[in-house]
Amino acid sequence: MIKILRGTLINQLRMIRDRIVLERIAARYEDCRIDPRAVIRIRRHCRVELGKHVTIGAYTIISIDPEGVTCDGDGAVLQIGDYTYLGELNNVRVAGLTRIGAKCLISQGVSIIGSNHSFVPDFPITEQPSRTDKLGVLIGDDVWIGANSTILPGVTIGSGSIVAAGSVVTRNVPSNVIVAGAPAKVIRERK
């Protein structure tokens, strides 16, 4: 019984901390629209930089991890450009540098993952080492990412590109193309 109460108390404290962080970010970026049901977790030595008129939808979770290290030695960084829209129920896991350009449209249920986990044979899954590659993700300007897509670590998506709904982006995407599938492949150029 005590263990259950302790777990509940810890979860409530985390929720209060997340609410305070969200309110501070909303106050700092007054011209942005951040739904109060979104969760932004920024750990020590990490930061978020929002452009003008960024929208973050309900139930989107953004987690900026302290273990992520950029090339200049700072903690993990999330940069979101002007007029970018992140829809509802998105999952953004930042390690290293993750940059989302200006005037992007990120639909619902999208996962943007900035790091990989290790795999060591003959170890149970629950005892695998923590992440090793903190690669981040770079998304250019004027990019549309369709619902339920997944963007994996180390990927760069060129400006003007479209990622079709349900795609899994495992490799870099050139500018001004449309990609689809799992793994995502170029299906045509965007005119």
Protein backbone atom coordinates (compact mmCIF):
# COMPACT_ATOMS: atom_id res chain seq x y z
CA MET A 1 0.00 0.00 0.00
CA ILE A 2 2.81 2.43 0.89
CA LYS A 3 4.60 1.61 -2.36
CA ILE A 4 1.46 2.42 -4.37
CA LEU A 5 0.96 5.73 -2.55
CA ARG A 6 4.63 6.63 -3.05
CA GLY A 7 4.36 5.90 -6.79
CA THR A 8 1.20 8.00 -7.03
CA LEU A 9 2.86 10.89 -5.19
CA ILE A 10 5.92 10.76 -7.46
CA ASN A 11 3.68 10.80 -10.54
CA GLN A 12 1.74 13.78 -9.18
CA LEU A 13 4.97 15.67 -8.51
CA ARG A 14 6.15 14.95 -12.07
CA MET A 15 2.86 16.24 -13.44
CA ILE A 16 3.22 19.45 -11.39
CA ARG A 17 6.80 19.90 -12.62
CA ASP A 18 5.71 19.33 -16.24
CA ARG A 19 2.88 21.88 -15.81
CA ILE A 20 5.31 24.49 -14.42
CA VAL A 21 7.74 23.93 -17.32
CA LEU A 22 4.90 24.26 -19.83
CA GLU A 23 3.65 27.48 -18.23
CA ARG A 24 7.16 28.99 -18.25
CA ILE A 25 7.63 28.16 -21.92
CA ALA A 26 4.17 29.53 -22.78
CA ALA A 27 4.98 32.77 -20.91
CA ARG A 28 8.37 33.10 -22.61
CA TYR A 29 6.92 32.55 -26.10
CA GLU A 30 3.69 34.55 -25.83
CA ASP A 31 3.06 34.58 -29.56
CA CYS A 32 3.08 30.75 -29.69
CA ARG A 33 0.03 28.57 -29.09
CA ILE A 34 0.87 25.66 -26.80
CA ASP A 35 -2.10 23.55 -25.78
CA PRO A 36 -2.20 23.17 -21.98
CA ARG A 37 -2.58 19.40 -22.43
CA ALA A 38 0.82 19.16 -24.15
CA VAL A 39 3.82 17.97 -22.12
CA ILE A 40 7.29 19.45 -22.54
CA ARG A 41 10.04 17.91 -20.42
CA ILE A 42 13.31 19.81 -20.50
CA ARG A 43 16.09 18.30 -18.46
CA ARG A 44 19.07 20.13 -17.04
CA HIS A 45 21.55 21.64 -19.54
CA CYS A 46 19.00 21.32 -22.35
CA ARG A 47 16.96 23.96 -24.12
CA VAL A 48 14.09 24.65 -26.45
CA GLU A 49 14.01 27.51 -28.96
CA LEU A 50 10.66 28.32 -30.52
CA GLY A 51 10.17 30.67 -33.45
CA LYS A 52 7.25 33.06 -33.90
CA HIS A 53 3.71 31.69 -34.00
CA VAL A 54 4.59 28.03 -33.35
CA THR A 55 1.62 25.82 -32.50
CA ILE A 56 1.94 22.67 -30.35
CA GLY A 57 -1.20 20.55 -30.18
CA ALA A 58 -2.90 18.68 -27.35
CA TYR A 59 -1.27 15.57 -25.89
CA THR A 60 1.96 16.13 -27.79
CA ILE A 61 4.93 15.00 -25.70
CA ILE A 62 8.28 16.68 -26.19
CA SER A 63 11.15 15.23 -24.16
CA ILE A 64 14.54 16.92 -24.30
CA ASP A 65 17.12 14.54 -22.86
CA PRO A 66 20.18 15.68 -20.90
CA GLU A 67 22.29 12.85 -22.25
CA GLY A 68 22.03 14.23 -25.76
CA VAL A 69 25.10 16.26 -26.61
CA THR A 70 25.49 18.59 -29.56
CA CYS A 71 28.76 19.12 -31.36
CA ASP A 72 29.58 22.17 -29.24
CA GLY A 73 29.21 20.26 -25.96
CA ASP A 74 25.87 21.76 -24.90
CA GLY A 75 22.96 19.64 -23.77
CA ALA A 76 20.23 18.54 -26.14
CA VAL A 77 18.53 21.31 -28.13
CA LEU A 78 15.16 21.51 -29.87
CA GLN A 79 14.72 24.33 -32.39
CA ILE A 80 11.36 24.96 -34.06
CA GLY A 81 11.09 27.61 -36.79
CA ASP A 82 8.49 30.34 -37.31
CA TYR A 83 4.90 29.40 -38.18
CA THR A 84 5.43 25.67 -37.67
CA TYR A 85 2.47 23.53 -36.57
CA LEU A 86 2.80 20.33 -34.52
CA GLY A 87 -0.55 18.59 -34.33
CA GLU A 88 -2.03 16.48 -31.57
CA LEU A 89 -0.61 13.28 -30.06
CA ASN A 90 2.93 13.70 -31.40
CA ASN A 91 6.03 12.23 -29.76
CA VAL A 92 9.26 14.23 -30.08
CA ARG A 93 12.32 12.72 -28.35
CA VAL A 94 15.27 15.09 -28.55
CA ALA A 95 18.89 14.02 -28.13
CA GLY A 96 21.68 16.05 -29.65
CA LEU A 97 20.32 18.72 -31.99
CA THR A 98 16.82 18.37 -33.39
CA ARG A 99 15.75 21.17 -35.71
CA ILE A 100 12.33 21.59 -37.29
CA GLY A 101 12.30 24.37 -39.88
CA ALA A 102 9.91 27.24 -40.52
CA LYS A 103 6.41 26.85 -41.98
CA CYS A 104 6.31 23.08 -41.41
CA LEU A 105 3.14 21.07 -40.90
CA ILE A 106 3.48 18.02 -38.68
CA SER A 107 0.24 16.09 -38.55
CA GLN A 108 -1.09 13.89 -35.71
CA GLY A 109 0.57 10.82 -34.20
CA VAL A 110 4.03 11.60 -35.62
CA SER A 111 7.15 10.32 -33.82
CA ILE A 112 10.43 12.19 -34.23
CA ILE A 113 13.16 10.20 -32.48
CA GLY A 114 16.64 11.67 -31.92
CA SER A 115 18.61 8.70 -30.57
CA ASN A 116 19.15 4.95 -30.90
CA HIS A 117 19.43 2.19 -28.34
CA SER A 118 22.21 -0.37 -28.24
CA PHE A 119 21.73 -4.06 -28.76
CA VAL A 120 24.03 -6.62 -27.21
CA PRO A 121 23.40 -10.28 -28.10
CA ASP A 122 22.72 -12.71 -25.25
CA PHE A 123 21.42 -9.96 -22.95
CA PRO A 124 17.75 -9.82 -21.96
CA ILE A 125 15.93 -6.90 -23.56
CA THR A 126 15.32 -5.29 -20.17
CA GLU A 127 19.08 -5.23 -19.47
CA GLN A 128 20.24 -3.75 -22.78
CA PRO A 129 22.56 -0.71 -22.50
CA SER A 130 21.03 2.73 -22.77
CA ARG A 131 21.22 4.79 -25.92
CA THR A 132 24.50 5.18 -27.70
CA ASP A 133 23.87 7.34 -30.76
CA LYS A 134 22.51 10.81 -30.10
CA LEU A 135 22.08 11.80 -33.70
CA GLY A 136 19.19 14.25 -33.65
CA VAL A 137 16.91 14.99 -36.60
CA LEU A 138 17.03 17.90 -39.06
CA ILE A 139 13.86 18.93 -40.88
CA GLY A 140 14.06 21.74 -43.44
CA ASP A 141 11.57 24.55 -44.08
CA ASP A 142 8.13 24.03 -45.67
CA VAL A 143 7.97 20.29 -44.87
CA TRP A 144 4.73 18.38 -44.43
CA ILE A 145 4.85 15.18 -42.36
CA GLY A 146 1.69 13.07 -42.63
CA ALA A 147 -0.16 11.39 -39.77
CA ASN A 148 1.41 8.44 -37.94
CA SER A 149 4.80 8.80 -39.61
CA THR A 150 8.05 8.00 -37.82
CA ILE A 151 11.29 9.90 -38.34
CA LEU A 152 14.33 7.97 -37.08
CA PRO A 153 17.62 9.30 -35.62
CA GLY A 154 20.19 10.95 -37.86
CA VAL A 155 17.72 11.71 -40.65
CA THR A 156 17.69 14.99 -42.57
CA ILE A 157 14.53 15.91 -44.47
CA GLY A 158 15.16 18.52 -47.16
CA SER A 159 13.11 21.69 -47.48
CA GLY A 160 9.86 21.49 -49.41
CA SER A 161 9.44 17.73 -49.02
CA ILE A 162 6.33 15.76 -48.08
CA VAL A 163 6.33 12.58 -45.99
CA ALA A 164 3.17 10.56 -46.69
CA ALA A 165 1.03 9.33 -43.81
CA GLY A 166 2.28 6.18 -42.10
CA SER A 167 5.80 6.40 -43.51
CA VAL A 168 8.94 5.33 -41.66
CA VAL A 169 11.83 7.60 -42.63
CA THR A 170 15.13 5.75 -42.12
CA ARG A 171 17.34 7.69 -44.56
CA ASN A 172 17.87 11.28 -45.64
CA VAL A 173 15.18 12.80 -47.86
CA PRO A 174 16.21 15.26 -50.61
CA SER A 175 14.48 18.62 -51.01
CA ASN A 176 11.18 18.97 -52.90
CA VAL A 177 10.22 15.30 -53.11
CA ILE A 178 7.36 13.16 -51.83
CA VAL A 179 8.30 10.02 -49.91
CA ALA A 180 6.08 7.17 -48.78
CA GLY A 181 6.28 3.68 -47.32
CA ALA A 182 8.17 1.74 -44.69
CA PRO A 183 10.99 2.36 -45.25
CA ALA A 184 10.12 5.61 -47.01
CA LYS A 185 11.20 5.95 -50.63
CA VAL A 186 10.91 8.79 -53.11
CA ILE A 187 7.74 8.33 -55.15
CA ARG A 188 7.92 11.58 -57.11
CA GLU A 189 9.20 15.14 -57.18
CA ARG A 190 7.17 17.99 -55.80
CA LYS A 191 6.50 20.56 -58.50
